[in-house]
Full PDB file with SEQRES, HELIX, SHEET, SSBOND, CRYST1, ORIGX, SCALE, CONECT and MASTER records, all heavy atoms in Angstrom:
SEQRES   1 A   31  SER GLY GLU LEU ARG ALA VAL GLY LEU MET ALA GLY GLU          
SEQRES   2 A   31  SER LYS ILE GLY GLU TRP ASN TYR PHE TYR PRO SER GLY          
SEQRES   3 A   31  LYS LYS ASN ALA ILE                                          
SHEET    1 AA1 3 ALA A   6  ALA A  11  0                                        
SHEET    2 AA1 3 SER A  14  PHE A  22 -1                                        
SHEET    3 AA1 3 LYS A  28  ALA A  30 -1                                        
CRYST1    1.000    1.000    1.000  90.00  90.00  90.00 P 1           1          
ORIGX1      1.000000  0.000000  0.000000        0.00000                         
ORIGX2      0.000000  1.000000  0.000000        0.00000                         
ORIGX3      0.000000  0.000000  1.000000        0.00000                         
SCALE1      1.000000  0.000000  0.000000        0.00000                         
SCALE2      0.000000  1.000000  0.000000        0.00000                         
SCALE3      0.000000  0.000000  1.000000        0.00000                         
ATOM      1  N   SER A   1       8.231   0.299 -12.083  1.00  0.00           N  
ATOM      2  CA  SER A   1       9.673   0.046 -11.955  1.00  0.00           C  
ATOM      3  C   SER A   1       9.991  -1.067 -10.956  1.00  0.00           C  
ATOM      4  O   SER A   1      11.146  -1.432 -10.774  1.00  0.00           O  
ATOM      5  CB  SER A   1      10.391   1.334 -11.545  1.00  0.00           C  
ATOM      6  OG  SER A   1       9.768   1.913 -10.408  1.00  0.00           O  
ATOM      7  N   GLY A   2       8.938  -1.595 -10.282  1.00  0.00           N  
ATOM      8  CA  GLY A   2       9.135  -2.750  -9.414  1.00  0.00           C  
ATOM      9  C   GLY A   2       9.121  -2.486  -7.924  1.00  0.00           C  
ATOM     10  O   GLY A   2       9.009  -3.421  -7.130  1.00  0.00           O  
ATOM     11  N   GLU A   3       9.194  -1.210  -7.514  1.00  0.00           N  
ATOM     12  CA  GLU A   3       9.211  -0.907  -6.083  1.00  0.00           C  
ATOM     13  C   GLU A   3       7.807  -1.055  -5.486  1.00  0.00           C  
ATOM     14  O   GLU A   3       6.800  -0.840  -6.154  1.00  0.00           O  
ATOM     15  CB  GLU A   3       9.715   0.514  -5.813  1.00  0.00           C  
ATOM     16  CG  GLU A   3      11.162   0.746  -6.186  1.00  0.00           C  
ATOM     17  CD  GLU A   3      11.328   1.184  -7.628  1.00  0.00           C  
ATOM     18  OE1 GLU A   3      10.307   1.184  -8.371  1.00  0.00           O  
ATOM     19  OE2 GLU A   3      12.459   1.513  -8.035  1.00  0.00           O  
ATOM     20  N   LEU A   4       7.770  -1.428  -4.215  1.00  0.00           N  
ATOM     21  CA  LEU A   4       6.501  -1.590  -3.517  1.00  0.00           C  
ATOM     22  C   LEU A   4       5.790  -0.241  -3.426  1.00  0.00           C  
ATOM     23  O   LEU A   4       6.357   0.736  -2.947  1.00  0.00           O  
ATOM     24  CB  LEU A   4       6.741  -2.160  -2.115  1.00  0.00           C  
ATOM     25  CG  LEU A   4       5.493  -2.387  -1.254  1.00  0.00           C  
ATOM     26  CD1 LEU A   4       4.587  -3.448  -1.874  1.00  0.00           C  
ATOM     27  CD2 LEU A   4       5.892  -2.788   0.169  1.00  0.00           C  
ATOM     28  N   ARG A   5       4.531  -0.205  -3.835  1.00  0.00           N  
ATOM     29  CA  ARG A   5       3.737   1.026  -3.794  1.00  0.00           C  
ATOM     30  C   ARG A   5       2.764   1.025  -2.625  1.00  0.00           C  
ATOM     31  O   ARG A   5       2.558   2.054  -1.977  1.00  0.00           O  
ATOM     32  CB  ARG A   5       2.963   1.190  -5.094  1.00  0.00           C  
ATOM     33  CG  ARG A   5       2.057   2.416  -5.124  1.00  0.00           C  
ATOM     34  CD  ARG A   5       1.295   2.530  -6.443  1.00  0.00           C  
ATOM     35  NE  ARG A   5       0.352   3.644  -6.401  1.00  0.00           N  
ATOM     36  CZ  ARG A   5      -0.882   3.558  -5.929  1.00  0.00           C  
ATOM     37  NH1 ARG A   5      -1.341   2.388  -5.476  1.00  0.00           N  
ATOM     38  NH2 ARG A   5      -1.676   4.609  -5.915  1.00  0.00           N  
ATOM     39  N   ALA A   6       2.142  -0.132  -2.350  1.00  0.00           N  
ATOM     40  CA  ALA A   6       1.144  -0.192  -1.287  1.00  0.00           C  
ATOM     41  C   ALA A   6       0.979  -1.619  -0.785  1.00  0.00           C  
ATOM     42  O   ALA A   6       1.220  -2.583  -1.520  1.00  0.00           O  
ATOM     43  CB  ALA A   6      -0.201   0.330  -1.780  1.00  0.00           C  
ATOM     44  N   VAL A   7       0.567  -1.742   0.471  1.00  0.00           N  
ATOM     45  CA  VAL A   7       0.275  -3.062   1.036  1.00  0.00           C  
ATOM     46  C   VAL A   7      -0.888  -2.918   2.009  1.00  0.00           C  
ATOM     47  O   VAL A   7      -0.975  -1.951   2.769  1.00  0.00           O  
ATOM     48  CB  VAL A   7       1.515  -3.663   1.749  1.00  0.00           C  
ATOM     49  CG1 VAL A   7       2.007  -2.758   2.871  1.00  0.00           C  
ATOM     50  CG2 VAL A   7       1.213  -5.049   2.272  1.00  0.00           C  
ATOM     51  N   GLY A   8      -1.823  -3.878   1.952  1.00  0.00           N  
ATOM     52  CA  GLY A   8      -2.982  -3.844   2.832  1.00  0.00           C  
ATOM     53  C   GLY A   8      -3.819  -5.084   2.648  1.00  0.00           C  
ATOM     54  O   GLY A   8      -3.396  -6.043   1.990  1.00  0.00           O  
ATOM     55  N   LEU A   9      -5.003  -5.080   3.217  1.00  0.00           N  
ATOM     56  CA  LEU A   9      -5.889  -6.236   3.157  1.00  0.00           C  
ATOM     57  C   LEU A   9      -7.022  -6.014   2.176  1.00  0.00           C  
ATOM     58  O   LEU A   9      -7.528  -4.901   2.016  1.00  0.00           O  
ATOM     59  CB  LEU A   9      -6.471  -6.545   4.534  1.00  0.00           C  
ATOM     60  CG  LEU A   9      -5.505  -7.058   5.603  1.00  0.00           C  
ATOM     61  CD1 LEU A   9      -6.236  -7.204   6.932  1.00  0.00           C  
ATOM     62  CD2 LEU A   9      -4.886  -8.380   5.176  1.00  0.00           C  
ATOM     63  N   MET A  10      -7.425  -7.111   1.532  1.00  0.00           N  
ATOM     64  CA  MET A  10      -8.562  -7.104   0.629  1.00  0.00           C  
ATOM     65  C   MET A  10      -9.579  -8.130   1.112  1.00  0.00           C  
ATOM     66  O   MET A  10      -9.222  -9.223   1.568  1.00  0.00           O  
ATOM     67  CB  MET A  10      -8.132  -7.462  -0.798  1.00  0.00           C  
ATOM     68  CG  MET A  10      -7.161  -6.512  -1.448  1.00  0.00           C  
ATOM     69  SD  MET A  10      -7.924  -4.954  -1.956  1.00  0.00           S  
ATOM     70  CE  MET A  10      -9.024  -5.519  -3.260  1.00  0.00           C  
ATOM     71  N   ALA A  11     -10.850  -7.773   1.015  1.00  0.00           N  
ATOM     72  CA  ALA A  11     -11.940  -8.720   1.250  1.00  0.00           C  
ATOM     73  C   ALA A  11     -12.700  -8.777  -0.062  1.00  0.00           C  
ATOM     74  O   ALA A  11     -13.470  -7.877  -0.391  1.00  0.00           O  
ATOM     75  CB  ALA A  11     -12.846  -8.256   2.383  1.00  0.00           C  
ATOM     76  N   GLY A  12     -12.432  -9.804  -0.829  1.00  0.00           N  
ATOM     77  CA  GLY A  12     -12.977  -9.853  -2.174  1.00  0.00           C  
ATOM     78  C   GLY A  12     -12.327  -8.781  -3.019  1.00  0.00           C  
ATOM     79  O   GLY A  12     -11.108  -8.733  -3.141  1.00  0.00           O  
ATOM     80  N   GLU A  13     -13.135  -7.866  -3.555  1.00  0.00           N  
ATOM     81  CA  GLU A  13     -12.620  -6.778  -4.386  1.00  0.00           C  
ATOM     82  C   GLU A  13     -12.475  -5.471  -3.613  1.00  0.00           C  
ATOM     83  O   GLU A  13     -12.179  -4.428  -4.182  1.00  0.00           O  
ATOM     84  CB  GLU A  13     -13.563  -6.550  -5.584  1.00  0.00           C  
ATOM     85  CG  GLU A  13     -13.684  -7.734  -6.531  1.00  0.00           C  
ATOM     86  CD  GLU A  13     -12.368  -8.069  -7.201  1.00  0.00           C  
ATOM     87  OE1 GLU A  13     -11.647  -7.128  -7.599  1.00  0.00           O  
ATOM     88  OE2 GLU A  13     -12.054  -9.260  -7.303  1.00  0.00           O  
ATOM     89  N   SER A  14     -12.707  -5.515  -2.294  1.00  0.00           N  
ATOM     90  CA  SER A  14     -12.724  -4.294  -1.486  1.00  0.00           C  
ATOM     91  C   SER A  14     -11.544  -4.208  -0.532  1.00  0.00           C  
ATOM     92  O   SER A  14     -11.181  -5.197   0.119  1.00  0.00           O  
ATOM     93  CB  SER A  14     -14.027  -4.221  -0.679  1.00  0.00           C  
ATOM     94  OG  SER A  14     -15.155  -4.203  -1.527  1.00  0.00           O  
ATOM     95  N   LYS A  15     -10.979  -3.009  -0.425  1.00  0.00           N  
ATOM     96  CA  LYS A  15      -9.935  -2.761   0.563  1.00  0.00           C  
ATOM     97  C   LYS A  15     -10.564  -2.689   1.947  1.00  0.00           C  
ATOM     98  O   LYS A  15     -11.653  -2.131   2.113  1.00  0.00           O  
ATOM     99  CB  LYS A  15      -9.209  -1.446   0.264  1.00  0.00           C  
ATOM    100  CG  LYS A  15      -8.361  -1.466  -0.991  1.00  0.00           C  
ATOM    101  CD  LYS A  15      -7.668  -0.129  -1.206  1.00  0.00           C  
ATOM    102  CE  LYS A  15      -6.777  -0.165  -2.436  1.00  0.00           C  
ATOM    103  NZ  LYS A  15      -6.087   1.126  -2.660  1.00  0.00           N  
ATOM    104  N   ILE A  16      -9.874  -3.245   2.929  1.00  0.00           N  
ATOM    105  CA  ILE A  16     -10.340  -3.175   4.308  1.00  0.00           C  
ATOM    106  C   ILE A  16      -9.157  -2.895   5.222  1.00  0.00           C  
ATOM    107  O   ILE A  16      -8.003  -3.152   4.877  1.00  0.00           O  
ATOM    108  CB  ILE A  16     -11.047  -4.474   4.768  1.00  0.00           C  
ATOM    109  CG1 ILE A  16     -10.086  -5.674   4.689  1.00  0.00           C  
ATOM    110  CG2 ILE A  16     -12.299  -4.741   3.958  1.00  0.00           C  
ATOM    111  CD1 ILE A  16     -10.627  -6.939   5.340  1.00  0.00           C  
ATOM    112  N   GLY A  17      -9.449  -2.355   6.404  1.00  0.00           N  
ATOM    113  CA  GLY A  17      -8.398  -2.136   7.393  1.00  0.00           C  
ATOM    114  C   GLY A  17      -7.360  -1.119   6.957  1.00  0.00           C  
ATOM    115  O   GLY A  17      -7.613  -0.234   6.140  1.00  0.00           O  
ATOM    116  N   GLU A  18      -6.179  -1.251   7.509  1.00  0.00           N  
ATOM    117  CA  GLU A  18      -5.101  -0.285   7.256  1.00  0.00           C  
ATOM    118  C   GLU A  18      -4.336  -0.607   5.983  1.00  0.00           C  
ATOM    119  O   GLU A  18      -3.952  -1.748   5.752  1.00  0.00           O  
ATOM    120  CB  GLU A  18      -4.132  -0.280   8.441  1.00  0.00           C  
ATOM    121  CG  GLU A  18      -3.007   0.744   8.303  1.00  0.00           C  
ATOM    122  CD  GLU A  18      -2.149   0.837   9.545  1.00  0.00           C  
ATOM    123  OE1 GLU A  18      -2.660   1.293  10.587  1.00  0.00           O  
ATOM    124  OE2 GLU A  18      -0.962   0.421   9.484  1.00  0.00           O  
ATOM    125  N   TRP A  19      -4.115   0.425   5.188  1.00  0.00           N  
ATOM    126  CA  TRP A  19      -3.279   0.323   3.997  1.00  0.00           C  
ATOM    127  C   TRP A  19      -2.119   1.292   4.134  1.00  0.00           C  
ATOM    128  O   TRP A  19      -2.299   2.442   4.547  1.00  0.00           O  
ATOM    129  CB  TRP A  19      -4.083   0.671   2.741  1.00  0.00           C  
ATOM    130  CG  TRP A  19      -4.802  -0.535   2.182  1.00  0.00           C  
ATOM    131  CD1 TRP A  19      -5.880  -1.167   2.725  1.00  0.00           C  
ATOM    132  CD2 TRP A  19      -4.461  -1.247   0.998  1.00  0.00           C  
ATOM    133  NE1 TRP A  19      -6.243  -2.233   1.942  1.00  0.00           N  
ATOM    134  CE2 TRP A  19      -5.388  -2.304   0.876  1.00  0.00           C  
ATOM    135  CE3 TRP A  19      -3.483  -1.098   0.021  1.00  0.00           C  
ATOM    136  CZ2 TRP A  19      -5.350  -3.209  -0.183  1.00  0.00           C  
ATOM    137  CZ3 TRP A  19      -3.440  -1.993  -1.035  1.00  0.00           C  
ATOM    138  CH2 TRP A  19      -4.369  -3.040  -1.129  1.00  0.00           C  
ATOM    139  N   ASN A  20      -0.938   0.811   3.800  1.00  0.00           N  
ATOM    140  CA  ASN A  20       0.273   1.623   3.846  1.00  0.00           C  
ATOM    141  C   ASN A  20       0.790   1.848   2.430  1.00  0.00           C  
ATOM    142  O   ASN A  20       0.934   0.900   1.651  1.00  0.00           O  
ATOM    143  CB  ASN A  20       1.354   0.937   4.681  1.00  0.00           C  
ATOM    144  CG  ASN A  20       1.032   0.975   6.166  1.00  0.00           C  
ATOM    145  OD1 ASN A  20       1.385   1.913   6.867  1.00  0.00           O  
ATOM    146  ND2 ASN A  20       0.333  -0.050   6.654  1.00  0.00           N  
ATOM    147  N   TYR A  21       1.065   3.125   2.120  1.00  0.00           N  
ATOM    148  CA  TYR A  21       1.563   3.496   0.804  1.00  0.00           C  
ATOM    149  C   TYR A  21       2.989   4.022   0.928  1.00  0.00           C  
ATOM    150  O   TYR A  21       3.358   4.608   1.941  1.00  0.00           O  
ATOM    151  CB  TYR A  21       0.666   4.567   0.169  1.00  0.00           C  
ATOM    152  CG  TYR A  21      -0.715   4.057  -0.146  1.00  0.00           C  
ATOM    153  CD1 TYR A  21      -1.697   3.980   0.840  1.00  0.00           C  
ATOM    154  CD2 TYR A  21      -1.047   3.638  -1.436  1.00  0.00           C  
ATOM    155  CE1 TYR A  21      -2.973   3.497   0.558  1.00  0.00           C  
ATOM    156  CE2 TYR A  21      -2.315   3.167  -1.738  1.00  0.00           C  
ATOM    157  CZ  TYR A  21      -3.271   3.094  -0.737  1.00  0.00           C  
ATOM    158  OH  TYR A  21      -4.534   2.614  -1.018  1.00  0.00           O  
ATOM    159  N   PHE A  22       3.770   3.807  -0.152  1.00  0.00           N  
ATOM    160  CA  PHE A  22       5.184   4.163  -0.115  1.00  0.00           C  
ATOM    161  C   PHE A  22       5.599   4.901  -1.381  1.00  0.00           C  
ATOM    162  O   PHE A  22       5.036   4.692  -2.459  1.00  0.00           O  
ATOM    163  CB  PHE A  22       6.043   2.893   0.017  1.00  0.00           C  
ATOM    164  CG  PHE A  22       5.687   2.038   1.191  1.00  0.00           C  
ATOM    165  CD1 PHE A  22       4.746   1.032   1.057  1.00  0.00           C  
ATOM    166  CD2 PHE A  22       6.259   2.261   2.436  1.00  0.00           C  
ATOM    167  CE1 PHE A  22       4.394   0.239   2.149  1.00  0.00           C  
ATOM    168  CE2 PHE A  22       5.910   1.481   3.528  1.00  0.00           C  
ATOM    169  CZ  PHE A  22       4.968   0.460   3.382  1.00  0.00           C  
ATOM    170  N   TYR A  23       6.585   5.777  -1.235  1.00  0.00           N  
ATOM    171  CA  TYR A  23       7.231   6.378  -2.391  1.00  0.00           C  
ATOM    172  C   TYR A  23       8.159   5.335  -3.014  1.00  0.00           C  
ATOM    173  O   TYR A  23       8.525   4.345  -2.351  1.00  0.00           O  
ATOM    174  CB  TYR A  23       8.049   7.598  -1.962  1.00  0.00           C  
ATOM    175  CG  TYR A  23       7.210   8.793  -1.559  1.00  0.00           C  
ATOM    176  CD1 TYR A  23       7.020   9.116  -0.211  1.00  0.00           C  
ATOM    177  CD2 TYR A  23       6.631   9.615  -2.524  1.00  0.00           C  
ATOM    178  CE1 TYR A  23       6.251  10.215   0.159  1.00  0.00           C  
ATOM    179  CE2 TYR A  23       5.870  10.718  -2.163  1.00  0.00           C  
ATOM    180  CZ  TYR A  23       5.684  11.012  -0.825  1.00  0.00           C  
ATOM    181  OH  TYR A  23       4.929  12.096  -0.467  1.00  0.00           O  
ATOM    182  N   PRO A  24       8.571   5.537  -4.277  1.00  0.00           N  
ATOM    183  CA  PRO A  24       9.509   4.588  -4.894  1.00  0.00           C  
ATOM    184  C   PRO A  24      10.787   4.403  -4.074  1.00  0.00           C  
ATOM    185  O   PRO A  24      11.431   3.351  -4.145  1.00  0.00           O  
ATOM    186  CB  PRO A  24       9.807   5.220  -6.254  1.00  0.00           C  
ATOM    187  CG  PRO A  24       8.570   5.997  -6.574  1.00  0.00           C  
ATOM    188  CD  PRO A  24       8.115   6.552  -5.241  1.00  0.00           C  
ATOM    189  N   SER A  25      11.130   5.408  -3.283  1.00  0.00           N  
ATOM    190  CA  SER A  25      12.327   5.328  -2.438  1.00  0.00           C  
ATOM    191  C   SER A  25      12.146   4.360  -1.266  1.00  0.00           C  
ATOM    192  O   SER A  25      13.114   3.999  -0.600  1.00  0.00           O  
ATOM    193  CB  SER A  25      12.664   6.711  -1.885  1.00  0.00           C  
ATOM    194  OG  SER A  25      11.625   7.157  -1.017  1.00  0.00           O  
ATOM    195  N   GLY A  26      10.889   3.972  -1.008  1.00  0.00           N  
ATOM    196  CA  GLY A  26      10.607   3.099   0.124  1.00  0.00           C  
ATOM    197  C   GLY A  26      10.114   3.843   1.347  1.00  0.00           C  
ATOM    198  O   GLY A  26       9.657   3.239   2.327  1.00  0.00           O  
ATOM    199  N   LYS A  27      10.168   5.172   1.313  1.00  0.00           N  
ATOM    200  CA  LYS A  27       9.695   5.965   2.444  1.00  0.00           C  
ATOM    201  C   LYS A  27       8.165   6.050   2.434  1.00  0.00           C  
ATOM    202  O   LYS A  27       7.529   5.927   1.397  1.00  0.00           O  
ATOM    203  CB  LYS A  27      10.315   7.360   2.417  1.00  0.00           C  
ATOM    204  CG  LYS A  27      11.830   7.343   2.663  1.00  0.00           C  
ATOM    205  CD  LYS A  27      12.373   8.747   2.767  1.00  0.00           C  
ATOM    206  CE  LYS A  27      13.876   8.747   3.056  1.00  0.00           C  
ATOM    207  NZ  LYS A  27      14.170   8.168   4.391  1.00  0.00           N  
ATOM    208  N   LYS A  28       7.603   6.307   3.615  1.00  0.00           N  
ATOM    209  CA  LYS A  28       6.150   6.375   3.762  1.00  0.00           C  
ATOM    210  C   LYS A  28       5.563   7.483   2.899  1.00  0.00           C  
ATOM    211  O   LYS A  28       6.075   8.593   2.865  1.00  0.00           O  
ATOM    212  CB  LYS A  28       5.777   6.638   5.225  1.00  0.00           C  
ATOM    213  CG  LYS A  28       5.864   5.441   6.127  1.00  0.00           C  
ATOM    214  CD  LYS A  28       5.320   5.767   7.518  1.00  0.00           C  
ATOM    215  CE  LYS A  28       6.141   6.849   8.214  1.00  0.00           C  
ATOM    216  NZ  LYS A  28       5.695   7.062   9.624  1.00  0.00           N  
ATOM    217  N   ASN A  29       4.452   7.169   2.263  1.00  0.00           N  
ATOM    218  CA  ASN A  29       3.694   8.137   1.477  1.00  0.00           C  
ATOM    219  C   ASN A  29       2.370   8.457   2.162  1.00  0.00           C  
ATOM    220  O   ASN A  29       1.992   9.613   2.297  1.00  0.00           O  
ATOM    221  CB  ASN A  29       3.440   7.571   0.075  1.00  0.00           C  
ATOM    222  CG  ASN A  29       2.729   8.545  -0.837  1.00  0.00           C  
ATOM    223  OD1 ASN A  29       1.888   9.323  -0.413  1.00  0.00           O  
ATOM    224  ND2 ASN A  29       3.053   8.487  -2.115  1.00  0.00           N  
ATOM    225  N   ALA A  30       1.669   7.419   2.621  1.00  0.00           N  
ATOM    226  CA  ALA A  30       0.373   7.624   3.270  1.00  0.00           C  
ATOM    227  C   ALA A  30      -0.027   6.386   4.066  1.00  0.00           C  
ATOM    228  O   ALA A  30       0.440   5.276   3.797  1.00  0.00           O  
ATOM    229  CB  ALA A  30      -0.700   7.936   2.240  1.00  0.00           C  
ATOM    230  N   ILE A  31      -0.893   6.608   5.046  1.00  0.00           N  
ATOM    231  CA  ILE A  31      -1.534   5.517   5.786  1.00  0.00           C  
ATOM    232  C   ILE A  31      -3.031   5.772   5.734  1.00  0.00           C  
ATOM    233  O   ILE A  31      -3.499   6.831   6.155  1.00  0.00           O  
ATOM    234  CB  ILE A  31      -1.065   5.447   7.250  1.00  0.00           C  
ATOM    235  CG1 ILE A  31       0.446   5.216   7.316  1.00  0.00           C  
ATOM    236  CG2 ILE A  31      -1.800   4.329   8.003  1.00  0.00           C  
ATOM    237  CD1 ILE A  31       1.011   5.277   8.732  1.00  0.00           C  
TER     238      ILE A  31                                                      
MASTER        0    0    0    0    3    0    0    6  237    1    0    3          
END                                                                             
């Protein structure tokens, strides 16, 4: 639906460091 779901860093194809996840409402889902 277009809302931000997650943001974090990638090194190649791998996630690294802190990732923040959000509900469609924009509120925190997970870290």
